[in-house]
Protein backbone atom coordinates (compact mmCIF):
# COMPACT_ATOMS: atom_id res chain seq x y z
CA MET A 1 -76.37 92.04 59.13
CA LYS A 2 -75.27 91.42 55.77
CA LYS A 3 -71.97 92.69 56.51
CA ARG A 4 -71.28 90.01 59.03
CA PHE A 5 -72.35 87.36 57.05
CA SER A 6 -69.77 88.45 54.66
CA ASN A 7 -67.02 88.81 57.10
CA LYS A 8 -67.78 85.19 58.00
CA LEU A 9 -67.52 84.09 54.75
CA LEU A 10 -64.37 85.50 53.99
CA LEU A 11 -63.08 83.85 57.25
CA PHE A 12 -64.79 80.42 56.17
CA ALA A 13 -63.05 80.72 52.59
CA VAL A 14 -59.41 81.85 54.69
CA LEU A 15 -59.54 78.69 57.12
CA ILE A 16 -60.43 76.32 54.15
CA ALA A 17 -57.35 77.86 51.95
CA ILE A 18 -55.69 77.15 55.00
CA GLY A 19 -56.33 73.69 55.38
CA ILE A 20 -56.15 72.98 51.84
CA PHE A 21 -52.30 74.47 51.98
CA SER A 22 -51.78 72.66 55.02
CA ILE A 23 -52.63 69.29 53.25
CA ILE A 24 -50.43 70.02 50.45
CA GLY A 25 -47.34 70.72 52.61
CA LEU A 26 -48.19 67.47 54.31
CA ASN A 27 -47.94 65.60 51.11
CA GLN A 28 -44.66 66.98 49.87
CA PHE A 29 -43.16 66.49 53.06
CA ILE A 30 -44.52 62.64 53.07
CA ASN A 31 -43.22 62.13 49.36
CA HIS A 32 -39.87 63.84 50.06
CA SER A 33 -39.30 61.52 53.15
CA ASN A 34 -40.47 58.81 50.50
CA LYS A 35 -37.56 59.47 48.53
CA GLU A 36 -34.74 59.70 50.96
CA ALA A 37 -35.84 56.08 52.10
CA LEU A 38 -36.06 54.94 48.72
CA ILE A 39 -32.43 56.11 48.17
CA ALA A 40 -31.06 55.22 51.25
CA THR A 41 -32.12 51.62 51.05
CA GLU A 42 -30.71 51.71 47.36
CA ASP A 43 -27.06 52.70 48.78
CA ILE A 44 -27.42 49.52 50.96
CA ASP A 45 -28.52 47.53 48.28
CA VAL A 46 -25.17 48.55 46.60
CA LEU A 47 -23.02 48.37 49.63
CA HIS A 48 -24.32 44.48 50.04
CA VAL A 49 -23.50 43.96 46.24
CA GLN A 50 -20.07 45.23 46.34
CA GLU A 51 -19.13 43.37 49.81
CA ASN A 52 -20.88 40.28 47.80
CA GLU A 53 -18.60 40.63 44.70
CA ASP A 54 -15.31 41.27 47.55
CA ASN A 55 -16.22 38.08 49.06
CA GLU A 56 -16.23 35.93 45.61
CA ASN A 57 -12.95 37.65 44.60
CA ILE A 58 -11.56 36.37 47.67
CA ILE A 59 -12.93 32.95 47.42
CA ALA A 60 -11.72 32.87 43.99
CA GLU A 61 -8.28 33.82 44.98
CA ASP A 62 -8.23 31.38 47.83
CA GLU A 63 -9.34 28.59 45.11
CA VAL A 64 -7.16 29.78 42.54
CA LEU A 65 -4.26 29.42 45.01
CA GLU A 66 -5.12 26.06 46.30
CA THR A 67 -5.82 24.47 42.59
CA SER A 68 -2.05 25.70 41.85
CA GLN A 69 -0.72 24.05 45.30
CA THR A 70 -2.28 21.21 44.16
CA GLU A 71 -0.94 21.00 40.77
CA GLN A 72 2.74 21.74 41.91
CA GLN A 73 2.60 18.66 44.72
CA PRO A 74 2.24 15.76 41.68
CA SER A 75 5.04 17.77 39.84
CA VAL A 76 7.32 18.01 43.01
CA GLN A 77 6.12 13.78 43.33
CA LYS A 78 6.91 13.41 39.70
CA GLU A 79 10.79 14.79 40.24
CA VAL A 80 11.55 12.84 42.84
CA LYS A 81 10.03 9.42 41.59
CA GLU A 82 11.88 10.49 38.28
CA LYS A 83 15.07 11.10 40.77
CA LYS A 84 14.72 7.91 42.36
CA THR A 85 14.45 5.74 38.87
CA GLU A 86 17.22 6.90 37.45
CA ASP A 87 19.83 6.51 40.28
CA ILE A 88 17.95 2.52 40.35
CA LYS A 89 18.89 2.56 36.70
CA THR A 90 22.12 3.83 37.21
CA GLU A 91 22.84 0.97 40.03
CA ILE A 92 21.37 -1.92 37.98
CA LYS A 93 23.14 -0.70 34.78
CA GLU A 94 26.50 -0.75 36.75
CA GLU A 95 26.13 -4.54 38.33
CA VAL A 96 24.98 -5.71 35.11
CA GLN A 97 28.21 -4.19 33.65
CA THR A 98 30.34 -5.87 36.33
CA ASP A 99 28.50 -9.15 35.91
CA ASN A 100 29.55 -8.84 32.00
CA LYS A 101 32.62 -8.06 32.48
CA ASN A 102 33.43 -10.92 35.34
CA GLU A 103 31.58 -13.02 32.71
CA ASN A 104 34.07 -12.54 29.81
CA GLN A 105 36.71 -12.90 31.59
CA GLU A 106 35.41 -16.36 32.64
CA ASN A 107 34.74 -16.86 28.74
CA HIS A 108 38.06 -15.86 27.71
CA VAL A 109 39.78 -18.16 30.68
CA LYS A 110 37.45 -20.82 29.31
CA GLN A 111 38.28 -20.42 25.41
CA LYS A 112 41.69 -20.19 26.24
CA GLN A 113 41.55 -23.47 27.83
CA GLU A 114 39.20 -25.15 24.82
CA LEU A 115 41.38 -23.62 22.12
CA PRO A 116 43.84 -26.91 21.34
CA LYS A 117 40.42 -29.13 21.38
CA ILE A 118 38.96 -26.79 18.88
CA SER A 119 41.81 -26.95 16.63
CA LYS A 120 41.93 -30.52 16.35
CA GLU A 121 37.96 -30.82 16.02
CA VAL A 122 38.31 -28.58 13.10
CA GLU A 123 41.34 -30.40 11.15
CA GLN A 124 38.79 -33.29 11.47
CA SER A 125 35.95 -31.25 10.44
CA ASN A 126 38.03 -29.80 7.12
CA SER A 127 39.84 -33.65 6.89
CA LYS A 128 36.12 -34.97 6.49
CA LYS A 129 34.95 -32.08 4.33
CA ASN A 130 37.76 -33.29 1.62
CA ASP A 131 36.45 -36.78 1.53
CA ASP A 132 32.73 -35.82 1.36
CA SER A 133 33.89 -33.05 -1.38
CA LYS A 134 35.55 -36.11 -3.43
CA THR A 135 32.54 -38.49 -3.36
CA THR A 136 30.20 -35.47 -4.49
CA THR A 137 32.56 -34.85 -7.52
CA SER A 138 32.49 -38.48 -8.48
CA LEU A 139 28.71 -38.63 -8.01
CA ASN A 140 28.01 -35.42 -10.11
CA THR A 141 30.29 -36.54 -13.21
CA GLU A 142 28.46 -40.03 -12.81
CA VAL A 143 25.12 -38.26 -12.66
CA GLN A 144 26.26 -35.76 -15.50
CA GLY A 145 27.32 -38.76 -17.42
CA GLU A 146 23.77 -40.36 -17.03
CA THR A 147 22.04 -37.29 -17.81
CA ILE A 148 23.91 -36.41 -21.25
CA ALA A 149 23.29 -40.40 -21.94
CA GLN A 150 19.65 -39.95 -21.25
CA GLU A 151 18.97 -36.80 -23.32
CA LYS A 152 17.47 -36.72 -26.87
CA PRO A 153 20.02 -36.05 -29.45
CA LYS A 154 18.83 -32.56 -31.15
CA TYR A 155 17.99 -32.59 -34.93
CA THR A 156 17.39 -29.67 -37.66
CA VAL A 157 14.28 -29.16 -40.15
CA ARG A 158 14.03 -26.58 -42.65
CA ILE A 159 11.46 -24.06 -43.32
CA THR A 160 10.65 -21.54 -46.05
CA ILE A 161 7.54 -19.06 -46.52
CA VAL A 162 6.61 -17.73 -49.67
CA GLY A 163 3.68 -15.41 -50.53
CA PRO A 164 1.83 -14.30 -53.98
CA LYS A 165 3.45 -13.39 -56.58
CA ASP A 166 3.41 -9.76 -55.80
CA VAL A 167 4.56 -10.15 -52.58
CA GLY A 168 7.40 -12.84 -52.78
CA THR A 169 9.28 -14.45 -50.30
CA ILE A 170 8.33 -13.94 -46.87
CA LEU A 171 11.08 -15.85 -44.83
CA ASN A 172 14.18 -17.14 -46.02
CA THR A 173 15.22 -21.04 -45.80
CA THR A 174 15.56 -21.03 -42.31
CA THR A 175 17.05 -24.07 -40.32
CA ILE A 176 15.16 -24.99 -36.88
CA GLU A 177 16.75 -27.15 -34.10
CA ILE A 178 14.29 -29.50 -32.37
CA ASN A 179 14.76 -32.05 -29.57
CA ASP A 180 11.63 -34.39 -30.00
CA SER A 181 8.86 -35.16 -32.45
CA LYS A 182 6.96 -32.18 -33.83
CA THR A 183 4.17 -31.28 -35.95
CA ILE A 184 4.07 -28.99 -39.69
CA LEU A 185 2.00 -26.29 -37.67
CA GLU A 186 4.77 -26.52 -34.29
CA ILE A 187 7.41 -25.69 -36.71
CA LEU A 188 5.47 -22.86 -38.29
CA GLN A 189 4.07 -21.42 -34.53
CA ARG A 190 7.77 -21.48 -33.44
CA ALA A 191 9.51 -20.28 -36.77
CA THR A 192 7.29 -17.12 -37.11
CA LYS A 193 7.32 -16.16 -33.28
CA GLU A 194 10.66 -15.89 -33.60
CA ARG A 195 11.41 -14.23 -36.31
CA ARG A 196 8.33 -11.30 -35.06
CA ILE A 197 5.87 -12.70 -38.32
CA HIS A 198 2.08 -12.62 -37.95
CA MET A 199 0.51 -15.92 -38.42
CA GLU A 200 -3.16 -17.04 -37.46
CA TYR A 201 -4.94 -20.66 -37.77
CA ARG A 202 -8.05 -21.96 -36.37
CA GLY A 203 -8.93 -25.69 -35.19
CA LEU A 204 -6.51 -28.21 -33.26
CA ASN A 205 -5.06 -31.23 -34.56
CA ALA A 206 -6.46 -32.65 -37.54
CA THR A 207 -9.00 -29.53 -38.33
CA ALA A 208 -6.09 -27.30 -37.78
CA TYR A 209 -6.04 -25.26 -40.62
CA VAL A 210 -3.78 -22.32 -41.40
CA GLU A 211 -5.66 -18.74 -42.61
CA GLY A 212 -2.97 -16.17 -42.77
CA ILE A 213 0.56 -15.66 -42.74
CA HIS A 214 2.11 -11.99 -42.82
CA ASN A 215 -1.52 -10.53 -42.99
CA ILE A 216 -1.88 -12.17 -46.26
CA TYR A 217 -5.45 -14.48 -45.73
CA GLU A 218 -7.30 -17.23 -47.62
CA PHE A 219 -9.52 -15.39 -50.24
CA ASP A 220 -7.46 -12.52 -50.81
CA ARG A 221 -6.24 -13.29 -54.22
CA GLY A 222 -9.53 -14.19 -55.36
CA PRO A 223 -12.04 -17.49 -54.49
CA GLU A 224 -9.32 -20.12 -54.76
CA SER A 225 -6.45 -18.83 -53.11
CA GLY A 226 -4.85 -20.00 -49.65
CA TRP A 227 -2.10 -21.41 -47.97
CA MET A 228 -0.39 -24.57 -48.81
CA TYR A 229 2.22 -26.75 -47.58
CA SER A 230 4.97 -29.19 -48.98
CA VAL A 231 7.42 -31.50 -47.04
CA ASN A 232 10.31 -32.41 -49.57
CA GLY A 233 8.72 -31.43 -52.54
CA VAL A 234 5.73 -33.36 -52.05
CA PHE A 235 1.92 -31.56 -50.64
CA PRO A 236 0.67 -33.84 -48.17
CA ASN A 237 -3.32 -34.32 -47.89
CA VAL A 238 -4.00 -34.43 -44.22
CA SER A 239 -3.48 -30.97 -41.65
CA ALA A 240 -0.32 -29.54 -40.65
CA GLY A 241 -1.75 -29.79 -36.82
CA VAL A 242 -0.88 -34.03 -37.47
CA PHE A 243 1.78 -34.20 -39.64
CA GLN A 244 4.65 -35.36 -38.15
CA VAL A 245 8.23 -33.63 -39.18
CA ASN A 246 11.65 -35.97 -39.89
CA PRO A 247 14.80 -35.16 -39.17
CA GLY A 248 15.94 -32.82 -42.24
CA ASP A 249 13.30 -32.29 -43.94
CA ASP A 250 12.30 -29.46 -45.49
CA ILE A 251 9.34 -27.55 -45.19
CA ARG A 252 7.66 -24.96 -47.56
CA TRP A 253 4.82 -22.86 -46.97
CA LEU A 254 3.23 -21.44 -49.99
CA TYR A 255 0.39 -19.21 -51.10
CA THR A 256 -1.75 -20.38 -53.99
CA GLU A 257 -4.32 -18.36 -56.18
CA ASP A 258 -5.58 -21.31 -58.24
CA LEU A 259 -6.42 -24.32 -55.31
CA GLY A 260 -2.40 -25.67 -55.79
CA ARG A 261 -2.09 -26.37 -59.46
CA ASP A 262 -0.44 -22.99 -59.57
CA LEU A 263 1.81 -24.60 -57.37
CA GLY A 264 2.14 -27.93 -59.29
CA ALA A 265 -0.23 -29.49 -56.14
CA SER A 266 -3.57 -31.22 -57.30
CA ARG A 267 -6.32 -31.94 -54.70
């Protein structure tokens, strides 16, 4: 009985093993089928993608072709318009030249007809100009005579500038020509400016005072030194800004080191 039980157990184990192997084989078969189906699906997707790309390329080529045609159309139209414009300009230019030619011919004929009249008018105009020129010359002569008579007569004065003993003469006696009344200060300004001699003063009119000439200032030679002026040998006791000169005056600017005593002047 034990032997029979062992046989049954062995048979049962064999059946179980067969079932297990069957299940394993079935699973492998199913997996293999799924893989083939997936590969087929991927191939189909690739084909679809390629078809879409081909379609897009075809559409792009069509668009480029249409764009090229569209761009070419305005260019052709522009060339046609330009040619028409040039033709019109040429026609207008020819018409204008013809009109100008006709106008020139008419003007030439007209000028020939008016030439005697113009010549006569020119002769009359020249004659009138000559008469006017004579009248103008006469008037100019009269005006010039009046102007000369109205001008004030010129006169001259003399000016000399002498510095301290260690410097000596700064400006030798010089004649200054003037047309109207001038002050001693104005004569000094003109003489030093024309000869580029330094001169500096302060104040105006009655307060005018010459501080320095030739870069030599008051007090440079002591507390009683400075510049003084004389007219015809006399030392006026007024400012050089108000003393009026007369024709032929002899003006001298002198540097004193002793309040004028060393120059023979008294204050």
